[in-house]
All heavy atoms as atom14 arrays in JSON, in Angstrom:
{
  "sequence": "FEIPLKGSFSAAAEVSCIYPEKKETAFTVNGNCL",
  "atom14_mask": [
    [1, 1, 1, 1, 1, 1, 1, 1, 1, 1, 1, 0, 0, 0],
    [1, 1, 1, 1, 1, 1, 1, 1, 1, 0, 0, 0, 0, 0],
    [1, 1, 1, 1, 1, 1, 1, 1, 0, 0, 0, 0, 0, 0],
    [1, 1, 1, 1, 1, 1, 1, 0, 0, 0, 0, 0, 0, 0],
    [1, 1, 1, 1, 1, 1, 1, 1, 0, 0, 0, 0, 0, 0],
    [1, 1, 1, 1, 1, 1, 1, 1, 1, 0, 0, 0, 0, 0],
    [1, 1, 1, 1, 0, 0, 0, 0, 0, 0, 0, 0, 0, 0],
    [1, 1, 1, 1, 1, 1, 0, 0, 0, 0, 0, 0, 0, 0],
    [1, 1, 1, 1, 1, 1, 1, 1, 1, 1, 1, 0, 0, 0],
    [1, 1, 1, 1, 1, 1, 0, 0, 0, 0, 0, 0, 0, 0],
    [1, 1, 1, 1, 1, 0, 0, 0, 0, 0, 0, 0, 0, 0],
    [1, 1, 1, 1, 1, 0, 0, 0, 0, 0, 0, 0, 0, 0],
    [1, 1, 1, 1, 1, 0, 0, 0, 0, 0, 0, 0, 0, 0],
    [1, 1, 1, 1, 1, 1, 1, 1, 1, 0, 0, 0, 0, 0],
    [1, 1, 1, 1, 1, 1, 1, 0, 0, 0, 0, 0, 0, 0],
    [1, 1, 1, 1, 1, 1, 0, 0, 0, 0, 0, 0, 0, 0],
    [1, 1, 1, 1, 1, 1, 0, 0, 0, 0, 0, 0, 0, 0],
    [1, 1, 1, 1, 1, 1, 1, 1, 0, 0, 0, 0, 0, 0],
    [1, 1, 1, 1, 1, 1, 1, 1, 1, 1, 1, 1, 0, 0],
    [1, 1, 1, 1, 1, 1, 1, 0, 0, 0, 0, 0, 0, 0],
    [1, 1, 1, 1, 1, 1, 1, 1, 1, 0, 0, 0, 0, 0],
    [1, 1, 1, 1, 1, 1, 1, 1, 1, 0, 0, 0, 0, 0],
    [1, 1, 1, 1, 1, 1, 1, 1, 1, 0, 0, 0, 0, 0],
    [1, 1, 1, 1, 1, 1, 1, 1, 1, 0, 0, 0, 0, 0],
    [1, 1, 1, 1, 1, 1, 1, 0, 0, 0, 0, 0, 0, 0],
    [1, 1, 1, 1, 1, 0, 0, 0, 0, 0, 0, 0, 0, 0],
    [1, 1, 1, 1, 1, 1, 1, 1, 1, 1, 1, 0, 0, 0],
    [1, 1, 1, 1, 1, 1, 1, 0, 0, 0, 0, 0, 0, 0],
    [1, 1, 1, 1, 1, 1, 1, 0, 0, 0, 0, 0, 0, 0],
    [1, 1, 1, 1, 1, 1, 1, 1, 0, 0, 0, 0, 0, 0],
    [1, 1, 1, 1, 0, 0, 0, 0, 0, 0, 0, 0, 0, 0],
    [1, 1, 1, 1, 1, 1, 1, 1, 0, 0, 0, 0, 0, 0],
    [1, 1, 1, 1, 1, 1, 0, 0, 0, 0, 0, 0, 0, 0],
    [1, 1, 1, 1, 1, 1, 1, 1, 0, 0, 0, 0, 0, 0]
  ],
  "atom14_positions": [
    [[43.83, 194.1, -78.74], [43.45, 193.8, -77.38], [44.28, 194.7, -76.47], [45.44, 194.63, -76.48], [43.77, 192.31, -77.08], [43.3, 191.84, -75.71], [42.14, 192.12, -75.2], [44.22, 190.97, -75.05], [41.75, 191.59, -74.0], [43.9, 190.46, -73.78], [42.58, 190.79, -73.29], [0.0, 0.0, 0.0], [0.0, 0.0, 0.0], [0.0, 0.0, 0.0]],
    [[43.53, 195.41, -75.56], [44.22, 196.31, -74.63], [44.34, 195.62, -73.22], [43.34, 195.09, -72.74], [43.43, 197.58, -74.49], [43.42, 198.43, -75.7], [42.8, 199.81, -75.54], [42.27, 200.03, -74.41], [42.92, 200.67, -76.43], [0.0, 0.0, 0.0], [0.0, 0.0, 0.0], [0.0, 0.0, 0.0], [0.0, 0.0, 0.0], [0.0, 0.0, 0.0]],
    [[45.61, 195.61, -72.75], [45.9, 194.96, -71.45], [46.47, 196.0, -70.5], [47.53, 196.61, -70.79], [46.96, 193.81, -71.71], [46.43, 192.88, -72.73], [47.25, 193.12, -70.36], [47.47, 191.84, -73.13], [0.0, 0.0, 0.0], [0.0, 0.0, 0.0], [0.0, 0.0, 0.0], [0.0, 0.0, 0.0], [0.0, 0.0, 0.0], [0.0, 0.0, 0.0]],
    [[45.77, 196.32, -69.49], [46.3, 197.34, -68.57], [47.44, 196.78, -67.71], [47.49, 195.67, -67.26], [45.04, 197.57, -67.56], [44.27, 196.3, -67.6], [44.44, 195.75, -69.0], [0.0, 0.0, 0.0], [0.0, 0.0, 0.0], [0.0, 0.0, 0.0], [0.0, 0.0, 0.0], [0.0, 0.0, 0.0], [0.0, 0.0, 0.0], [0.0, 0.0, 0.0]],
    [[48.44, 197.56, -67.63], [49.63, 197.23, -66.88], [49.58, 198.03, -65.53], [49.79, 199.28, -65.46], [50.95, 197.65, -67.63], [51.09, 197.0, -69.01], [52.33, 197.5, -69.75], [51.12, 195.47, -68.97], [0.0, 0.0, 0.0], [0.0, 0.0, 0.0], [0.0, 0.0, 0.0], [0.0, 0.0, 0.0], [0.0, 0.0, 0.0], [0.0, 0.0, 0.0]],
    [[49.4, 197.32, -64.46], [49.16, 197.92, -63.2], [50.38, 197.98, -62.32], [51.29, 197.27, -62.53], [48.0, 197.19, -62.43], [46.69, 197.2, -63.18], [45.7, 196.3, -62.43], [44.3, 196.24, -63.22], [43.34, 195.39, -62.57], [0.0, 0.0, 0.0], [0.0, 0.0, 0.0], [0.0, 0.0, 0.0], [0.0, 0.0, 0.0], [0.0, 0.0, 0.0]],
    [[50.3, 198.9, -61.37], [51.4, 198.97, -60.41], [52.7, 199.49, -61.03], [52.72, 200.36, -61.98], [0.0, 0.0, 0.0], [0.0, 0.0, 0.0], [0.0, 0.0, 0.0], [0.0, 0.0, 0.0], [0.0, 0.0, 0.0], [0.0, 0.0, 0.0], [0.0, 0.0, 0.0], [0.0, 0.0, 0.0], [0.0, 0.0, 0.0], [0.0, 0.0, 0.0]],
    [[53.86, 198.84, -60.69], [55.1, 199.29, -61.19], [55.28, 199.05, -62.65], [56.07, 199.6, -63.33], [56.24, 198.51, -60.5], [56.16, 197.13, -60.61], [0.0, 0.0, 0.0], [0.0, 0.0, 0.0], [0.0, 0.0, 0.0], [0.0, 0.0, 0.0], [0.0, 0.0, 0.0], [0.0, 0.0, 0.0], [0.0, 0.0, 0.0], [0.0, 0.0, 0.0]],
    [[54.4, 198.14, -63.25], [54.52, 197.81, -64.67], [53.83, 198.83, -65.51], [53.83, 198.76, -66.76], [53.99, 196.4, -64.92], [54.87, 195.35, -64.33], [54.51, 194.81, -63.06], [55.99, 194.93, -64.95], [55.32, 193.83, -62.53], [56.79, 193.92, -64.39], [56.46, 193.4, -63.23], [0.0, 0.0, 0.0], [0.0, 0.0, 0.0], [0.0, 0.0, 0.0]],
    [[53.12, 199.81, -64.93], [52.41, 200.82, -65.68], [53.39, 201.79, -66.31], [53.06, 202.61, -67.23], [51.42, 201.54, -64.82], [52.09, 202.19, -63.76], [0.0, 0.0, 0.0], [0.0, 0.0, 0.0], [0.0, 0.0, 0.0], [0.0, 0.0, 0.0], [0.0, 0.0, 0.0], [0.0, 0.0, 0.0], [0.0, 0.0, 0.0], [0.0, 0.0, 0.0]],
    [[54.66, 201.8, -65.81], [55.63, 202.64, -66.41], [56.72, 201.75, -66.97], [57.88, 201.89, -66.7], [56.2, 203.63, -65.38], [0.0, 0.0, 0.0], [0.0, 0.0, 0.0], [0.0, 0.0, 0.0], [0.0, 0.0, 0.0], [0.0, 0.0, 0.0], [0.0, 0.0, 0.0], [0.0, 0.0, 0.0], [0.0, 0.0, 0.0], [0.0, 0.0, 0.0]],
    [[56.34, 200.67, -67.68], [57.31, 199.66, -68.2], [58.37, 200.34, -69.04], [58.02, 201.03, -69.96], [56.53, 198.6, -68.93], [0.0, 0.0, 0.0], [0.0, 0.0, 0.0], [0.0, 0.0, 0.0], [0.0, 0.0, 0.0], [0.0, 0.0, 0.0], [0.0, 0.0, 0.0], [0.0, 0.0, 0.0], [0.0, 0.0, 0.0], [0.0, 0.0, 0.0]],
    [[59.61, 199.95, -68.79], [60.72, 200.46, -69.52], [60.9, 199.69, -70.86], [61.32, 200.13, -71.84], [61.98, 200.49, -68.75], [0.0, 0.0, 0.0], [0.0, 0.0, 0.0], [0.0, 0.0, 0.0], [0.0, 0.0, 0.0], [0.0, 0.0, 0.0], [0.0, 0.0, 0.0], [0.0, 0.0, 0.0], [0.0, 0.0, 0.0], [0.0, 0.0, 0.0]],
    [[60.56, 198.39, -70.82], [60.87, 197.53, -71.91], [59.82, 196.43, -72.04], [59.52, 195.74, -71.05], [62.27, 196.86, -71.75], [62.69, 196.04, -72.96], [64.09, 195.48, -72.7], [64.79, 195.91, -71.73], [64.48, 194.55, -73.51], [0.0, 0.0, 0.0], [0.0, 0.0, 0.0], [0.0, 0.0, 0.0], [0.0, 0.0, 0.0], [0.0, 0.0, 0.0]],
    [[59.28, 196.31, -73.17], [58.33, 195.14, -73.54], [58.87, 194.48, -74.75], [59.17, 195.11, -75.8], [56.96, 195.71, -73.8], [55.94, 194.59, -74.16], [56.39, 196.51, -72.54], [0.0, 0.0, 0.0], [0.0, 0.0, 0.0], [0.0, 0.0, 0.0], [0.0, 0.0, 0.0], [0.0, 0.0, 0.0], [0.0, 0.0, 0.0], [0.0, 0.0, 0.0]],
    [[59.0, 193.19, -74.68], [59.46, 192.43, -75.83], [58.75, 191.04, -75.91], [58.22, 190.57, -74.93], [60.98, 192.07, -75.64], [61.25, 191.39, -74.47], [0.0, 0.0, 0.0], [0.0, 0.0, 0.0], [0.0, 0.0, 0.0], [0.0, 0.0, 0.0], [0.0, 0.0, 0.0], [0.0, 0.0, 0.0], [0.0, 0.0, 0.0], [0.0, 0.0, 0.0]],
    [[58.55, 190.66, -77.17], [57.94, 189.35, -77.41], [59.09, 188.32, -77.34], [59.94, 188.3, -78.24], [57.26, 189.29, -78.79], [56.48, 187.71, -79.11], [0.0, 0.0, 0.0], [0.0, 0.0, 0.0], [0.0, 0.0, 0.0], [0.0, 0.0, 0.0], [0.0, 0.0, 0.0], [0.0, 0.0, 0.0], [0.0, 0.0, 0.0], [0.0, 0.0, 0.0]],
    [[59.14, 187.45, -76.34], [60.22, 186.54, -76.21], [59.92, 185.12, -76.86], [60.8, 184.35, -77.0], [60.6, 186.3, -74.73], [59.42, 185.87, -73.84], [61.13, 187.62, -74.14], [59.77, 185.4, -72.45], [0.0, 0.0, 0.0], [0.0, 0.0, 0.0], [0.0, 0.0, 0.0], [0.0, 0.0, 0.0], [0.0, 0.0, 0.0], [0.0, 0.0, 0.0]],
    [[58.7, 184.95, -77.21], [58.32, 183.72, -77.96], [57.06, 183.99, -78.77], [56.05, 184.38, -78.28], [58.12, 182.52, -77.03], [57.75, 181.28, -77.84], [58.7, 180.54, -78.59], [56.42, 180.89, -77.92], [58.32, 179.44, -79.31], [56.01, 179.78, -78.69], [57.01, 179.07, -79.43], [56.66, 178.01, -80.07], [0.0, 0.0, 0.0], [0.0, 0.0, 0.0]],
    [[57.15, 183.75, -80.16], [58.42, 183.48, -80.84], [59.16, 184.75, -81.15], [58.51, 185.82, -81.33], [57.84, 182.8, -82.12], [56.51, 183.42, -82.42], [55.94, 183.68, -80.99], [0.0, 0.0, 0.0], [0.0, 0.0, 0.0], [0.0, 0.0, 0.0], [0.0, 0.0, 0.0], [0.0, 0.0, 0.0], [0.0, 0.0, 0.0], [0.0, 0.0, 0.0]],
    [[60.44, 184.7, -81.2], [61.23, 185.97, -81.28], [61.15, 186.5, -82.73], [61.24, 187.69, -82.92], [62.68, 185.68, -80.82], [62.82, 185.51, -79.32], [64.27, 185.54, -78.94], [65.09, 184.83, -79.6], [64.6, 186.25, -78.03], [0.0, 0.0, 0.0], [0.0, 0.0, 0.0], [0.0, 0.0, 0.0], [0.0, 0.0, 0.0], [0.0, 0.0, 0.0]],
    [[61.27, 185.63, -83.73], [61.49, 186.08, -85.1], [60.17, 186.28, -85.94], [60.19, 186.82, -87.05], [62.42, 185.12, -85.82], [63.8, 185.07, -85.26], [64.7, 184.07, -86.0], [66.06, 184.08, -85.37], [67.04, 183.1, -86.12], [0.0, 0.0, 0.0], [0.0, 0.0, 0.0], [0.0, 0.0, 0.0], [0.0, 0.0, 0.0], [0.0, 0.0, 0.0]],
    [[59.06, 185.8, -85.43], [57.84, 185.97, -86.11], [57.23, 187.31, -85.77], [57.23, 187.77, -84.65], [56.86, 184.83, -85.75], [55.7, 184.58, -86.68], [54.99, 183.33, -86.41], [53.89, 183.11, -87.4], [54.29, 182.89, -88.8], [0.0, 0.0, 0.0], [0.0, 0.0, 0.0], [0.0, 0.0, 0.0], [0.0, 0.0, 0.0], [0.0, 0.0, 0.0]],
    [[56.61, 188.02, -86.76], [56.12, 189.37, -86.57], [55.06, 189.34, -85.56], [54.02, 188.59, -85.52], [55.65, 189.87, -87.92], [55.03, 191.26, -87.86], [54.59, 191.77, -89.18], [54.71, 191.06, -90.26], [54.06, 192.93, -89.25], [0.0, 0.0, 0.0], [0.0, 0.0, 0.0], [0.0, 0.0, 0.0], [0.0, 0.0, 0.0], [0.0, 0.0, 0.0]],
    [[55.09, 190.32, -84.62], [54.12, 190.51, -83.6], [53.88, 191.99, -83.49], [54.73, 192.79, -83.14], [54.58, 189.92, -82.24], [54.85, 188.52, -82.44], [53.54, 190.05, -81.24], [0.0, 0.0, 0.0], [0.0, 0.0, 0.0], [0.0, 0.0, 0.0], [0.0, 0.0, 0.0], [0.0, 0.0, 0.0], [0.0, 0.0, 0.0], [0.0, 0.0, 0.0]],
    [[52.59, 192.37, -83.6], [52.24, 193.92, -83.53], [51.75, 194.22, -82.12], [50.79, 193.61, -81.69], [51.22, 194.16, -84.6], [0.0, 0.0, 0.0], [0.0, 0.0, 0.0], [0.0, 0.0, 0.0], [0.0, 0.0, 0.0], [0.0, 0.0, 0.0], [0.0, 0.0, 0.0], [0.0, 0.0, 0.0], [0.0, 0.0, 0.0], [0.0, 0.0, 0.0]],
    [[52.56, 195.15, -81.46], [52.12, 195.62, -80.18], [52.66, 196.93, -79.97], [53.71, 197.34, -80.51], [52.59, 194.62, -79.12], [54.04, 194.55, -78.93], [54.7, 195.39, -77.93], [54.86, 193.67, -79.64], [56.05, 195.33, -77.8], [56.2, 193.63, -79.48], [56.82, 194.45, -78.53], [0.0, 0.0, 0.0], [0.0, 0.0, 0.0], [0.0, 0.0, 0.0]],
    [[51.93, 197.7, -79.07], [52.43, 199.06, -78.67], [52.17, 199.2, -77.2], [51.28, 198.59, -76.59], [51.58, 200.11, -79.42], [50.25, 199.97, -79.15], [51.85, 200.1, -80.97], [0.0, 0.0, 0.0], [0.0, 0.0, 0.0], [0.0, 0.0, 0.0], [0.0, 0.0, 0.0], [0.0, 0.0, 0.0], [0.0, 0.0, 0.0], [0.0, 0.0, 0.0]],
    [[52.97, 200.14, -76.68], [52.83, 200.47, -75.22], [52.53, 201.9, -75.12], [53.26, 202.76, -75.63], [54.11, 200.06, -74.39], [53.88, 200.47, -72.97], [54.42, 198.62, -74.49], [0.0, 0.0, 0.0], [0.0, 0.0, 0.0], [0.0, 0.0, 0.0], [0.0, 0.0, 0.0], [0.0, 0.0, 0.0], [0.0, 0.0, 0.0], [0.0, 0.0, 0.0]],
    [[51.48, 202.27, -74.42], [51.11, 203.69, -74.26], [50.71, 203.89, -72.87], [49.56, 203.49, -72.37], [49.96, 204.06, -75.22], [49.58, 205.52, -75.11], [50.31, 206.25, -74.5], [48.44, 205.84, -75.69], [0.0, 0.0, 0.0], [0.0, 0.0, 0.0], [0.0, 0.0, 0.0], [0.0, 0.0, 0.0], [0.0, 0.0, 0.0], [0.0, 0.0, 0.0]],
    [[51.61, 204.53, -72.06], [51.35, 204.71, -70.65], [51.19, 203.42, -69.83], [52.13, 202.64, -69.87], [0.0, 0.0, 0.0], [0.0, 0.0, 0.0], [0.0, 0.0, 0.0], [0.0, 0.0, 0.0], [0.0, 0.0, 0.0], [0.0, 0.0, 0.0], [0.0, 0.0, 0.0], [0.0, 0.0, 0.0], [0.0, 0.0, 0.0], [0.0, 0.0, 0.0]],
    [[50.0, 203.15, -69.32], [49.81, 202.05, -68.52], [49.03, 200.97, -69.3], [48.36, 200.08, -68.75], [48.96, 202.37, -67.29], [47.67, 202.85, -67.56], [47.3, 203.18, -68.71], [46.75, 202.9, -66.54], [0.0, 0.0, 0.0], [0.0, 0.0, 0.0], [0.0, 0.0, 0.0], [0.0, 0.0, 0.0], [0.0, 0.0, 0.0], [0.0, 0.0, 0.0]],
    [[49.14, 200.89, -70.62], [48.34, 199.97, -71.5], [49.21, 199.32, -72.49], [49.91, 200.03, -73.23], [47.18, 200.71, -72.05], [46.07, 199.61, -72.99], [0.0, 0.0, 0.0], [0.0, 0.0, 0.0], [0.0, 0.0, 0.0], [0.0, 0.0, 0.0], [0.0, 0.0, 0.0], [0.0, 0.0, 0.0], [0.0, 0.0, 0.0], [0.0, 0.0, 0.0]],
    [[49.15, 198.0, -72.61], [49.85, 197.28, -73.67], [48.71, 196.9, -74.69], [47.72, 196.22, -74.28], [50.46, 196.08, -73.14], [51.06, 195.03, -74.13], [52.17, 195.62, -74.99], [51.53, 193.73, -73.47], [0.0, 0.0, 0.0], [0.0, 0.0, 0.0], [0.0, 0.0, 0.0], [0.0, 0.0, 0.0], [0.0, 0.0, 0.0], [0.0, 0.0, 0.0]]
  ]
}
């Protein structure tokens, strides 16, 4: 699922899954898209 990150979040410095922390979560950030 592609989620556009608009405005200041389009150049996000850090993306983390804060819940649940220890369970595997697959995600990538490419430019303005999570």
